[in-house]
Structure formats: C-alpha cells, structure tokens
Amino acid sequence: MIECNEARADDTRAIGALEAAGFPVASRRLSGTKPPVALLNLVYNHCKACLRAEVLPYRPDAWIDHMKTKVGYEIPFNRHFYEYEPPRPLEEIESDIAGLEREIVAMLRGVTA
C-alpha cells in the first residue's frame, strides 16, 4: 500500500478533525498532489518493460517520452452510473406542444391587439 498522506510532527491540526456539519476535514498540508517516487519508478519500469517486450521487436527505433507519462485514472461516471429513462409517450409530448402553441398564439394576440 502506498500512502500519500503522511502525518508530520509540526502538524498541529488533528487528522480526524470534523467540520460543523460532521464531515471530516482534510488538511491541505497532508494531502499529496504528486504521486510518490516509488509509484513513479514502478510506472517507469513497467513502461520500459512493455516497450521492450511488445514494441521494440517490431519498431526498434521506438521510444517513450516520459515527460508526457501521466499517473492516475479517470472514472467515466456516465458509463458506470447512467440509468436509462425511456422517453415520455408521444401523445403526452404532442399535448405539451399543443399547449405551448396555444400559449404562444394567446401572447401574440395580446401584442397585436
């Protein structure tokens, strides 16, 4: 397990502090914005091994620009949490449109009269 949040001796704030609503408060000084060096080395070595095994036999001049390598992940919420809602019945939509048309005609009569 890689731990990004390390407690420091000079940190006077309690790690388990709660705000007024009762939710935990994260200390900005304790949260890591960069991945730990061990993780970066692991990714670097994995990329080199994959390049050597999967790409170099076919493209010996291939290389990896490690300045563009990103560590992290993306959670596509729509793909994982989307719940299909069937459209309303056509008759209901038509009646809504007819009602809106009546309102528009009434407003136009008020402007032109």
Protein backbone atom coordinates (compact mmCIF):
# COMPACT_ATOMS: atom_id res chain seq x y z
CA MET A 1 0.00 0.00 0.00
CA ILE A 2 1.32 3.44 -0.92
CA GLU A 3 0.39 6.20 1.47
CA CYS A 4 0.33 9.77 0.11
CA ASN A 5 -0.93 11.43 3.29
CA GLU A 6 1.87 11.46 5.82
CA ALA A 7 1.47 12.98 9.27
CA ARG A 8 4.19 15.45 10.11
CA ALA A 9 5.48 16.30 13.58
CA ASP A 10 4.77 20.02 13.10
CA ASP A 11 1.14 19.44 12.11
CA THR A 12 -0.99 20.93 14.90
CA ARG A 13 -4.32 20.04 13.30
CA ALA A 14 -5.95 16.77 14.31
CA ILE A 15 -6.11 14.35 11.41
CA GLY A 16 -9.62 13.25 12.38
CA ALA A 17 -10.99 16.79 12.78
CA LEU A 18 -14.63 17.34 11.82
CA GLU A 19 -16.21 20.48 10.42
CA ALA A 20 -19.53 21.83 11.74
CA ALA A 21 -21.61 19.53 9.51
CA GLY A 22 -19.81 16.47 10.86
CA PHE A 23 -17.78 15.65 7.75
CA PRO A 24 -14.03 15.02 8.01
CA VAL A 25 -11.79 17.92 7.09
CA ALA A 26 -8.71 17.15 5.01
CA SER A 27 -5.55 19.03 5.87
CA ARG A 28 -4.15 20.65 2.74
CA ARG A 29 -0.63 20.20 4.05
CA LEU A 30 -1.09 16.46 4.39
CA SER A 31 -2.67 15.72 1.03
CA GLY A 32 -0.22 14.73 -1.66
CA THR A 33 -0.71 16.27 -5.09
CA LYS A 34 2.11 14.30 -6.70
CA PRO A 35 2.37 10.53 -6.83
CA PRO A 36 5.10 9.09 -4.59
CA VAL A 37 8.50 8.45 -6.13
CA ALA A 38 8.13 4.70 -5.65
CA LEU A 39 4.97 4.72 -7.78
CA LEU A 40 6.65 6.80 -10.49
CA ASN A 41 9.56 4.35 -10.59
CA LEU A 42 7.13 1.45 -10.83
CA VAL A 43 5.32 3.08 -13.78
CA TYR A 44 8.63 3.97 -15.46
CA ASN A 45 9.93 0.40 -15.18
CA HIS A 46 6.60 -1.06 -16.35
CA CYS A 47 6.55 1.20 -19.41
CA LYS A 48 10.13 0.28 -20.29
CA ALA A 49 9.38 -3.45 -19.93
CA CYS A 50 6.27 -3.21 -22.11
CA LEU A 51 8.14 -1.21 -24.74
CA ARG A 52 10.96 -3.74 -24.77
CA ALA A 53 8.64 -6.76 -24.97
CA GLU A 54 5.78 -5.52 -27.13
CA VAL A 55 7.06 -2.72 -29.38
CA LEU A 56 10.81 -2.88 -29.93
CA PRO A 57 10.71 -6.26 -31.73
CA TYR A 58 8.61 -4.56 -34.43
CA ARG A 59 9.87 -0.95 -34.22
CA PRO A 60 13.47 -0.88 -32.96
CA ASP A 61 13.59 2.94 -33.12
CA ALA A 62 10.54 3.44 -30.84
CA TRP A 63 10.90 5.30 -27.56
CA ILE A 64 8.75 6.71 -24.72
CA ASP A 65 8.63 10.38 -23.84
CA HIS A 66 8.39 10.05 -20.06
CA MET A 67 7.71 13.78 -19.68
CA LYS A 68 4.25 13.07 -21.12
CA THR A 69 3.58 9.99 -18.99
CA LYS A 70 0.71 10.56 -16.59
CA VAL A 71 -0.07 8.57 -13.47
CA GLY A 72 -3.71 8.40 -12.48
CA TYR A 73 -7.07 7.27 -13.70
CA GLU A 74 -10.36 8.61 -14.91
CA ILE A 75 -13.78 7.46 -13.79
CA PRO A 76 -16.30 7.82 -16.63
CA PHE A 77 -19.37 8.46 -14.49
CA ASN A 78 -21.84 8.29 -17.38
CA ARG A 79 -20.61 4.86 -18.42
CA HIS A 80 -20.77 3.38 -14.93
CA PHE A 81 -23.69 5.18 -13.32
CA TYR A 82 -26.06 6.06 -16.18
CA GLU A 83 -29.61 4.83 -15.73
CA TYR A 84 -31.76 4.76 -18.84
CA GLU A 85 -35.04 6.64 -18.66
CA PRO A 86 -37.39 5.85 -21.55
CA PRO A 87 -38.87 8.85 -23.35
CA ARG A 88 -42.35 10.02 -22.48
CA PRO A 89 -45.24 8.71 -24.58
CA LEU A 90 -45.69 10.51 -27.90
CA GLU A 91 -49.25 11.56 -27.02
CA GLU A 92 -48.01 13.35 -23.89
CA ILE A 93 -45.32 15.21 -25.86
CA GLU A 94 -47.84 16.20 -28.55
CA SER A 95 -50.26 17.56 -25.93
CA ASP A 96 -47.44 19.61 -24.33
CA ILE A 97 -46.51 21.07 -27.74
CA ALA A 98 -50.18 21.88 -28.50
CA GLY A 99 -50.47 23.64 -25.12
CA LEU A 100 -47.35 25.69 -25.79
CA GLU A 101 -48.65 26.62 -29.24
CA ARG A 102 -51.91 27.86 -27.66
CA GLU A 103 -49.93 29.96 -25.16
CA ILE A 104 -47.83 31.49 -27.96
CA VAL A 105 -50.91 32.32 -30.03
CA ALA A 106 -52.54 33.94 -26.98
CA MET A 107 -49.41 36.05 -26.32
CA LEU A 108 -49.25 37.11 -29.97
CA ARG A 109 -52.93 38.16 -29.87
CA GLY A 110 -52.12 40.30 -26.82
CA VAL A 111 -49.24 42.01 -28.66
CA THR A 112 -51.07 42.57 -31.98
CA ALA A 113 -54.44 43.62 -30.50
